[in-house]
Amino acid sequence: MVPAYNEAARLPLTLPKLAQFCERHGSVDLLIVDDGSTDSTAAVVQEFAKRYTFARLLQNPGNRGKGYSVRHGMQKAQGDWILSTDADLSSPLEEVEKLLAAVEREQAAAAIGSRALDRSLVGIHQAPLREWSGRTFNLVMRATTGLPFRDTQCGFKLFRKDAARIIFPRQRLEGFGFDVEDLVIAQVHGLKVVEVPVRWDNVEGTKVSAFSGARAFWDLWVVRWNKLCGRYR
C-alpha cells in the first residue's frame, strides 16, 4: 500500500520497481492511495493498472493528509500481511524480508522499519536540521506516550491483517502524527510490534512542511489525551 500526493513525476520511476517486486512474490495486491492530488497522479496509476492487474487506485475524498491515506488504504488492502511504503521507496522493497523475518521470529503483529537502530544503514541523510528535529521528536514522543521505539516516523511498516483491522478503524489523526497514534493503539490492544533496522536513503521532494512537522509535536499530546480518555478501546 502506497500513499501518494502529487507524485506524478516520481511514480513512473517507482511503479516499475513495485511491479517487479509484486511479480517476484506473486499473489500481491498493490494499492496506490491518491490523496486528492492536483497533478496527474491518478492518471499515471490508472494507466499503470491497465498493464498490471494486481494494481489498484484508491482515491481519497479530496486532500486529507497522509494519516487519512494510510488509514484508508490499510482498511481496503487485501492479504495476510500489509506493507505500507512511501512513494519514493526510500527504503528498498527488499527490506521487507527483514520485517517478515522479525515478525515470525518474535511472533509479532507488526514490524516498523527504523533508521535509528543502525544509522550505518542510512545511505543518504536528511539535512542536519531535519535530522535534529526528528531526534527531538522521538525524545518527546517517548516521554509523552511511553512507547519504546527509536523511530516511529519511517514510512516502511508491516502489519498483520487482523492487527490492521483493529488499529486503523480506531485511528483519529489524519496528519503526520498518525504513526505514533497507530503504535499506541497497538499497545492498548496488546499487539506486539517490533522495530527493525532497515536501509534508507533520503529522497528530495518531501511533502512534510514546517507547519506539519510542528503539528506532529502537538499530536503527541492529543494521542496521550485520547489514550487517557479510553478512546482507543
C-alpha atoms as a PDB file:
ATOM      1  CA  MET A   1       0.000   0.000   0.000  1.00  0.00           C
ATOM      2  CA  VAL A   2       1.479   3.319  -1.144  1.00  0.00           C
ATOM      3  CA  PRO A   3       0.068   6.720  -0.089  1.00  0.00           C
ATOM      4  CA  ALA A   4       0.644   9.304  -2.809  1.00  0.00           C
ATOM      5  CA  TYR A   5       0.101  13.047  -3.121  1.00  0.00           C
ATOM      6  CA  ASN A   6       1.238  14.886  -6.274  1.00  0.00           C
ATOM      7  CA  GLU A   7       3.618  12.081  -7.213  1.00  0.00           C
ATOM      8  CA  ALA A   8       3.082  12.141 -10.992  1.00  0.00           C
ATOM      9  CA  ALA A   9       6.772  12.863 -11.600  1.00  0.00           C
ATOM     10  CA  ARG A  10       8.054  10.202  -9.188  1.00  0.00           C
ATOM     11  CA  LEU A  11       5.650   7.309  -9.801  1.00  0.00           C
ATOM     12  CA  PRO A  12       6.872   6.488 -13.339  1.00  0.00           C
ATOM     13  CA  LEU A  13      10.232   5.700 -11.709  1.00  0.00           C
ATOM     14  CA  THR A  14       8.955   3.758  -8.707  1.00  0.00           C
ATOM     15  CA  LEU A  15       5.926   1.919 -10.128  1.00  0.00           C
ATOM     16  CA  PRO A  16       8.095  -0.410 -12.297  1.00  0.00           C
ATOM     17  CA  LYS A  17      10.070  -1.358  -9.166  1.00  0.00           C
ATOM     18  CA  LEU A  18       6.834  -2.081  -7.331  1.00  0.00           C
ATOM     19  CA  ALA A  19       5.632  -4.174 -10.276  1.00  0.00           C
ATOM     20  CA  GLN A  20       8.844  -6.219 -10.358  1.00  0.00           C
ATOM     21  CA  PHE A  21       8.593  -6.834  -6.624  1.00  0.00           C
ATOM     22  CA  CYS A  22       4.954  -7.956  -6.910  1.00  0.00           C
ATOM     23  CA  GLU A  23       5.683 -10.266  -9.846  1.00  0.00           C
ATOM     24  CA  ARG A  24       8.576 -11.918  -7.991  1.00  0.00           C
ATOM     25  CA  HIS A  25       6.461 -12.602  -4.912  1.00  0.00           C
ATOM     26  CA  GLY A  26       3.113 -13.460  -6.558  1.00  0.00           C
ATOM     27  CA  SER A  27      -0.401 -13.081  -5.134  1.00  0.00           C
ATOM     28  CA  VAL A  28       0.376  -9.498  -4.135  1.00  0.00           C
ATOM     29  CA  ASP A  29      -2.220  -6.738  -4.130  1.00  0.00           C
ATOM     30  CA  LEU A  30      -0.707  -3.321  -4.934  1.00  0.00           C
ATOM     31  CA  LEU A  31      -2.828  -0.409  -3.738  1.00  0.00           C
ATOM     32  CA  ILE A  32      -1.925   3.215  -4.526  1.00  0.00           C
ATOM     33  CA  VAL A  33      -3.883   5.754  -2.459  1.00  0.00           C
ATOM     34  CA  ASP A  34      -4.221   9.136  -4.172  1.00  0.00           C
ATOM     35  CA  ASP A  35      -4.715  11.900  -1.605  1.00  0.00           C
ATOM     36  CA  GLY A  36      -6.573  14.362  -3.797  1.00  0.00           C
ATOM     37  CA  SER A  37      -3.565  15.146  -5.981  1.00  0.00           C
ATOM     38  CA  THR A  38      -3.745  18.235  -8.185  1.00  0.00           C
ATOM     39  CA  ASP A  39      -1.372  16.779 -10.778  1.00  0.00           C
ATOM     40  CA  SER A  40      -1.800  13.643 -12.929  1.00  0.00           C
ATOM     41  CA  THR A  41      -1.027  11.128 -10.160  1.00  0.00           C
ATOM     42  CA  ALA A  42      -4.379   9.342 -10.603  1.00  0.00           C
ATOM     43  CA  ALA A  43      -3.973   9.127 -14.376  1.00  0.00           C
ATOM     44  CA  VAL A  44      -0.456   7.697 -14.046  1.00  0.00           C
ATOM     45  CA  VAL A  45      -1.701   4.975 -11.685  1.00  0.00           C
ATOM     46  CA  GLN A  46      -4.737   4.195 -13.857  1.00  0.00           C
ATOM     47  CA  GLU A  47      -2.519   3.750 -16.904  1.00  0.00           C
ATOM     48  CA  PHE A  48      -0.184   1.516 -14.889  1.00  0.00           C
ATOM     49  CA  ALA A  49      -3.135  -0.581 -13.641  1.00  0.00           C
ATOM     50  CA  LYS A  50      -4.137  -1.338 -17.245  1.00  0.00           C
ATOM     51  CA  ARG A  51      -0.870  -3.266 -17.644  1.00  0.00           C
ATOM     52  CA  TYR A  52      -0.721  -4.818 -14.175  1.00  0.00           C
ATOM     53  CA  THR A  53      -3.982  -6.294 -12.936  1.00  0.00           C
ATOM     54  CA  PHE A  54      -2.694  -6.605  -9.354  1.00  0.00           C
ATOM     55  CA  ALA A  55      -2.513  -2.789  -9.111  1.00  0.00           C
ATOM     56  CA  ARG A  56      -5.446  -0.702  -7.896  1.00  0.00           C
ATOM     57  CA  LEU A  57      -6.074   3.022  -7.456  1.00  0.00           C
ATOM     58  CA  LEU A  58      -7.881   4.180  -4.333  1.00  0.00           C
ATOM     59  CA  GLN A  59      -8.856   7.859  -4.187  1.00  0.00           C
ATOM     60  CA  ASN A  60      -9.495   9.933  -1.075  1.00  0.00           C
ATOM     61  CA  PRO A  61     -12.387  12.429  -1.000  1.00  0.00           C
ATOM     62  CA  GLY A  62     -10.034  15.360  -1.503  1.00  0.00           C
ATOM     63  CA  ASN A  63      -6.680  16.146   0.091  1.00  0.00           C
ATOM     64  CA  ARG A  64      -6.995  14.730   3.621  1.00  0.00           C
ATOM     65  CA  GLY A  65      -3.408  14.048   4.702  1.00  0.00           C
ATOM     66  CA  LYS A  66      -1.030  11.109   4.873  1.00  0.00           C
ATOM     67  CA  GLY A  67      -2.672   9.744   8.005  1.00  0.00           C
ATOM     68  CA  TYR A  68      -6.033   9.552   6.254  1.00  0.00           C
ATOM     69  CA  SER A  69      -4.410   7.921   3.213  1.00  0.00           C
ATOM     70  CA  VAL A  70      -2.727   5.204   5.254  1.00  0.00           C
ATOM     71  CA  ARG A  71      -5.877   4.530   7.266  1.00  0.00           C
ATOM     72  CA  HIS A  72      -7.962   4.393   4.083  1.00  0.00           C
ATOM     73  CA  GLY A  73      -5.511   2.094   2.324  1.00  0.00           C
ATOM     74  CA  MET A  74      -4.957  -0.221   5.281  1.00  0.00           C
ATOM     75  CA  GLN A  75      -8.694  -0.817   5.602  1.00  0.00           C
ATOM     76  CA  LYS A  76      -9.039  -1.636   1.887  1.00  0.00           C
ATOM     77  CA  ALA A  77      -5.850  -3.667   1.417  1.00  0.00           C
ATOM     78  CA  GLN A  78      -6.001  -7.433   0.973  1.00  0.00           C
ATOM     79  CA  GLY A  79      -3.626 -10.194   2.002  1.00  0.00           C
ATOM     80  CA  ASP A  80      -2.479 -11.677   5.277  1.00  0.00           C
ATOM     81  CA  TRP A  81       0.282  -9.052   5.649  1.00  0.00           C
ATOM     82  CA  ILE A  82       0.042  -5.411   4.564  1.00  0.00           C
ATOM     83  CA  LEU A  83       3.148  -3.331   3.835  1.00  0.00           C
ATOM     84  CA  SER A  84       2.940   0.457   3.838  1.00  0.00           C
ATOM     85  CA  THR A  85       5.781   2.166   1.991  1.00  0.00           C
ATOM     86  CA  ASP A  86       6.359   5.718   0.786  1.00  0.00           C
ATOM     87  CA  ALA A  87       6.081   6.554  -2.905  1.00  0.00           C
ATOM     88  CA  ASP A  88       9.771   7.481  -3.079  1.00  0.00           C
ATOM     89  CA  LEU A  89      10.813   3.967  -1.945  1.00  0.00           C
ATOM     90  CA  SER A  90      13.371   5.496   0.408  1.00  0.00           C
ATOM     91  CA  SER A  91      13.602   2.038   1.970  1.00  0.00           C
ATOM     92  CA  PRO A  92      14.209  -0.562  -0.766  1.00  0.00           C
ATOM     93  CA  LEU A  93      11.343  -3.025  -1.110  1.00  0.00           C
ATOM     94  CA  GLU A  94      13.701  -5.922  -0.458  1.00  0.00           C
ATOM     95  CA  GLU A  95      13.967  -4.737   3.147  1.00  0.00           C
ATOM     96  CA  VAL A  96      10.509  -6.230   3.735  1.00  0.00           C
ATOM     97  CA  GLU A  97      12.271  -9.572   4.171  1.00  0.00           C
ATOM     98  CA  LYS A  98      13.784  -8.206   7.385  1.00  0.00           C
ATOM     99  CA  LEU A  99      10.347  -7.197   8.643  1.00  0.00           C
ATOM    100  CA  LEU A 100       8.843 -10.582   7.789  1.00  0.00           C
ATOM    101  CA  ALA A 101      11.693 -12.419   9.490  1.00  0.00           C
ATOM    102  CA  ALA A 102      11.280 -10.253  12.597  1.00  0.00           C
ATOM    103  CA  VAL A 103       7.532 -10.803  12.978  1.00  0.00           C
ATOM    104  CA  GLU A 104       7.994 -14.541  12.523  1.00  0.00           C
ATOM    105  CA  ARG A 105      10.887 -14.712  14.982  1.00  0.00           C
ATOM    106  CA  GLU A 106       9.174 -12.529  17.592  1.00  0.00           C
ATOM    107  CA  GLN A 107       5.620 -13.740  16.935  1.00  0.00           C
ATOM    108  CA  ALA A 108       4.641 -10.093  16.463  1.00  0.00           C
ATOM    109  CA  ALA A 109       1.581  -8.486  14.899  1.00  0.00           C
ATOM    110  CA  ALA A 110       3.544  -5.724  13.182  1.00  0.00           C
ATOM    111  CA  ALA A 111       7.062  -4.543  12.365  1.00  0.00           C
ATOM    112  CA  ILE A 112       8.247  -0.987  11.789  1.00  0.00           C
ATOM    113  CA  GLY A 113      11.329  -0.025   9.832  1.00  0.00           C
ATOM    114  CA  SER A 114      13.824   2.078  11.765  1.00  0.00           C
ATOM    115  CA  ARG A 115      16.566   4.477  10.736  1.00  0.00           C
ATOM    116  CA  ALA A 116      17.724   4.959  14.321  1.00  0.00           C
ATOM    117  CA  LEU A 117      18.654   1.452  15.455  1.00  0.00           C
ATOM    118  CA  ASP A 118      21.556   1.224  12.994  1.00  0.00           C
ATOM    119  CA  ARG A 119      22.411   4.580  11.455  1.00  0.00           C
ATOM    120  CA  SER A 120      25.113   2.970   9.282  1.00  0.00           C
ATOM    121  CA  LEU A 121      22.230   1.719   7.100  1.00  0.00           C
ATOM    122  CA  VAL A 122      21.268   5.303   6.214  1.00  0.00           C
ATOM    123  CA  GLY A 123      22.967   5.933   2.880  1.00  0.00           C
ATOM    124  CA  ILE A 124      21.810   9.491   2.172  1.00  0.00           C
ATOM    125  CA  HIS A 125      20.988  11.576   5.220  1.00  0.00           C
ATOM    126  CA  GLN A 126      18.413  14.318   5.598  1.00  0.00           C
ATOM    127  CA  ALA A 127      19.552  17.901   6.137  1.00  0.00           C
ATOM    128  CA  PRO A 128      21.061  18.316   9.645  1.00  0.00           C
ATOM    129  CA  LEU A 129      18.139  20.444  10.848  1.00  0.00           C
ATOM    130  CA  ARG A 130      15.604  17.802   9.814  1.00  0.00           C
ATOM    131  CA  GLU A 131      17.616  15.027  11.480  1.00  0.00           C
ATOM    132  CA  TRP A 132      17.892  17.059  14.670  1.00  0.00           C
ATOM    133  CA  SER A 133      14.160  17.750  14.598  1.00  0.00           C
ATOM    134  CA  GLY A 134      13.437  14.047  14.124  1.00  0.00           C
ATOM    135  CA  ARG A 135      15.591  13.025  17.075  1.00  0.00           C
ATOM    136  CA  THR A 136      13.981  15.691  19.248  1.00  0.00           C
ATOM    137  CA  PHE A 137      10.528  14.486  18.211  1.00  0.00           C
ATOM    138  CA  ASN A 138      11.438  10.940  19.205  1.00  0.00           C
ATOM    139  CA  LEU A 139      12.610  12.025  22.657  1.00  0.00           C
ATOM    140  CA  VAL A 140       9.375  13.936  23.237  1.00  0.00           C
ATOM    141  CA  MET A 141       7.348  11.047  21.815  1.00  0.00           C
ATOM    142  CA  ARG A 142       8.836   8.509  24.229  1.00  0.00           C
ATOM    143  CA  ALA A 143       8.369  10.828  27.200  1.00  0.00           C
ATOM    144  CA  THR A 144       4.782  11.624  26.231  1.00  0.00           C
ATOM    145  CA  THR A 145       3.481   8.189  25.206  1.00  0.00           C
ATOM    146  CA  GLY A 146       5.764   5.699  26.916  1.00  0.00           C
ATOM    147  CA  LEU A 147       6.419   3.896  23.634  1.00  0.00           C
ATOM    148  CA  PRO A 148       9.922   2.368  23.472  1.00  0.00           C
ATOM    149  CA  PHE A 149      10.620   2.891  19.771  1.00  0.00           C
ATOM    150  CA  ARG A 150      13.559   4.917  18.465  1.00  0.00           C
ATOM    151  CA  ASP A 151      11.977   5.813  15.116  1.00  0.00           C
ATOM    152  CA  THR A 152       8.215   5.894  14.651  1.00  0.00           C
ATOM    153  CA  GLN A 153       8.223   8.082  11.532  1.00  0.00           C
ATOM    154  CA  CYS A 154       9.917   5.831   8.984  1.00  0.00           C
ATOM    155  CA  GLY A 155       7.278   5.134   6.332  1.00  0.00           C
ATOM    156  CA  PHE A 156       8.164   1.448   5.970  1.00  0.00           C
ATOM    157  CA  LYS A 157       5.777  -0.614   8.121  1.00  0.00           C
ATOM    158  CA  LEU A 158       4.277  -4.095   8.026  1.00  0.00           C
ATOM    159  CA  PHE A 159       1.006  -5.113   9.709  1.00  0.00           C
ATOM    160  CA  ARG A 160      -0.723  -8.467  10.032  1.00  0.00           C
ATOM    161  CA  LYS A 161      -4.177  -8.125   8.505  1.00  0.00           C
ATOM    162  CA  ASP A 162      -6.088  -8.868  11.701  1.00  0.00           C
ATOM    163  CA  ALA A 163      -3.970  -6.315  13.592  1.00  0.00           C
ATOM    164  CA  ALA A 164      -4.626  -3.706  10.896  1.00  0.00           C
ATOM    165  CA  ARG A 165      -8.360  -4.310  11.283  1.00  0.00           C
ATOM    166  CA  ILE A 166      -8.034  -3.470  14.978  1.00  0.00           C
ATOM    167  CA  ILE A 167      -5.687  -0.491  14.697  1.00  0.00           C
ATOM    168  CA  PHE A 168      -6.752   1.587  11.718  1.00  0.00           C
ATOM    169  CA  PRO A 169     -10.513   1.942  12.299  1.00  0.00           C
ATOM    170  CA  ARG A 170      -9.563   3.484  15.678  1.00  0.00           C
ATOM    171  CA  GLN A 171      -7.032   5.940  14.220  1.00  0.00           C
ATOM    172  CA  ARG A 172      -8.246   9.531  14.584  1.00  0.00           C
ATOM    173  CA  LEU A 173      -5.363  11.669  13.317  1.00  0.00           C
ATOM    174  CA  GLU A 174      -5.072  12.466   9.629  1.00  0.00           C
ATOM    175  CA  GLY A 175      -1.754  14.344   9.678  1.00  0.00           C
ATOM    176  CA  PHE A 176       1.808  13.183  10.325  1.00  0.00           C
ATOM    177  CA  GLY A 177       1.223  12.273  13.977  1.00  0.00           C
ATOM    178  CA  PHE A 178      -0.738   9.197  12.916  1.00  0.00           C
ATOM    179  CA  ASP A 179       2.301   6.879  13.072  1.00  0.00           C
ATOM    180  CA  VAL A 180       2.584   7.329  16.822  1.00  0.00           C
ATOM    181  CA  GLU A 181      -1.169   7.015  17.272  1.00  0.00           C
ATOM    182  CA  ASP A 182      -1.251   3.669  15.455  1.00  0.00           C
ATOM    183  CA  LEU A 183       1.503   2.292  17.687  1.00  0.00           C
ATOM    184  CA  VAL A 184      -0.277   3.495  20.824  1.00  0.00           C
ATOM    185  CA  ILE A 185      -3.468   1.783  19.640  1.00  0.00           C
ATOM    186  CA  ALA A 186      -1.489  -1.426  19.107  1.00  0.00           C
ATOM    187  CA  GLN A 187      -0.101  -1.084  22.637  1.00  0.00           C
ATOM    188  CA  VAL A 188      -3.588  -0.555  24.107  1.00  0.00           C
ATOM    189  CA  HIS A 189      -4.802  -3.752  22.451  1.00  0.00           C
ATOM    190  CA  GLY A 190      -1.794  -5.828  23.451  1.00  0.00           C
ATOM    191  CA  LEU A 191      -0.480  -6.206  19.898  1.00  0.00           C
ATOM    192  CA  LYS A 192       3.252  -6.841  19.769  1.00  0.00           C
ATOM    193  CA  VAL A 193       5.232  -4.527  17.484  1.00  0.00           C
ATOM    194  CA  VAL A 194       8.932  -4.977  16.715  1.00  0.00           C
ATOM    195  CA  GLU A 195      11.322  -2.284  15.485  1.00  0.00           C
ATOM    196  CA  VAL A 196      13.717  -3.400  12.744  1.00  0.00           C
ATOM    197  CA  PRO A 197      16.749  -1.529  11.337  1.00  0.00           C
ATOM    198  CA  VAL A 198      16.382  -1.023   7.572  1.00  0.00           C
ATOM    199  CA  ARG A 199      18.329   0.578   4.769  1.00  0.00           C
ATOM    200  CA  TRP A 200      17.103   4.059   3.969  1.00  0.00           C
ATOM    201  CA  ASP A 201      18.097   6.922   1.650  1.00  0.00           C
ATOM    202  CA  ASN A 202      16.690  10.413   1.837  1.00  0.00           C
ATOM    203  CA  VAL A 203      14.934  11.379  -1.392  1.00  0.00           C
ATOM    204  CA  GLU A 204      14.358  15.060  -2.096  1.00  0.00           C
ATOM    205  CA  GLY A 205      10.820  16.290  -2.567  1.00  0.00           C
ATOM    206  CA  THR A 206       9.341  15.756   0.895  1.00  0.00           C
ATOM    207  CA  LYS A 207       5.688  16.714   1.390  1.00  0.00           C
ATOM    208  CA  VAL A 208       6.236  17.457   5.109  1.00  0.00           C
ATOM    209  CA  SER A 209       6.006  21.222   5.636  1.00  0.00           C
ATOM    210  CA  ALA A 210       7.404  23.043   8.651  1.00  0.00           C
ATOM    211  CA  PHE A 211       3.842  23.500   9.912  1.00  0.00           C
ATOM    212  CA  SER A 212       3.063  19.790   9.527  1.00  0.00           C
ATOM    213  CA  GLY A 213       6.241  18.892  11.389  1.00  0.00           C
ATOM    214  CA  ALA A 214       5.384  21.253  14.230  1.00  0.00           C
ATOM    215  CA  ARG A 215       1.809  19.950  14.338  1.00  0.00           C
ATOM    216  CA  ALA A 216       3.158  16.421  14.884  1.00  0.00           C
ATOM    217  CA  PHE A 217       4.534  17.538  18.269  1.00  0.00           C
ATOM    218  CA  TRP A 218       1.074  18.752  19.296  1.00  0.00           C
ATOM    219  CA  ASP A 219      -0.420  15.484  18.051  1.00  0.00           C
ATOM    220  CA  LEU A 220       1.601  13.627  20.692  1.00  0.00           C
ATOM    221  CA  TRP A 221      -0.436  15.320  23.418  1.00  0.00           C
ATOM    222  CA  VAL A 222      -3.656  14.603  21.521  1.00  0.00           C
ATOM    223  CA  VAL A 223      -2.723  10.916  21.420  1.00  0.00           C
ATOM    224  CA  ARG A 224      -1.863  10.910  25.112  1.00  0.00           C
ATOM    225  CA  TRP A 225      -5.213  12.524  25.957  1.00  0.00           C
ATOM    226  CA  ASN A 226      -7.160  10.145  23.726  1.00  0.00           C
ATOM    227  CA  LYS A 227      -5.484   7.186  25.392  1.00  0.00           C
ATOM    228  CA  LEU A 228      -6.243   8.508  28.887  1.00  0.00           C
ATOM    229  CA  CYS A 229      -9.879   9.004  27.867  1.00  0.00           C
ATOM    230  CA  GLY A 230     -10.115   5.412  26.611  1.00  0.00           C
ATOM    231  CA  ARG A 231     -10.876   6.445  23.049  1.00  0.00           C
ATOM    232  CA  TYR A 232      -8.736   3.700  21.539  1.00  0.00           C
ATOM    233  CA  ARG A 233     -10.648   0.868  23.191  1.00  0.00           C
END
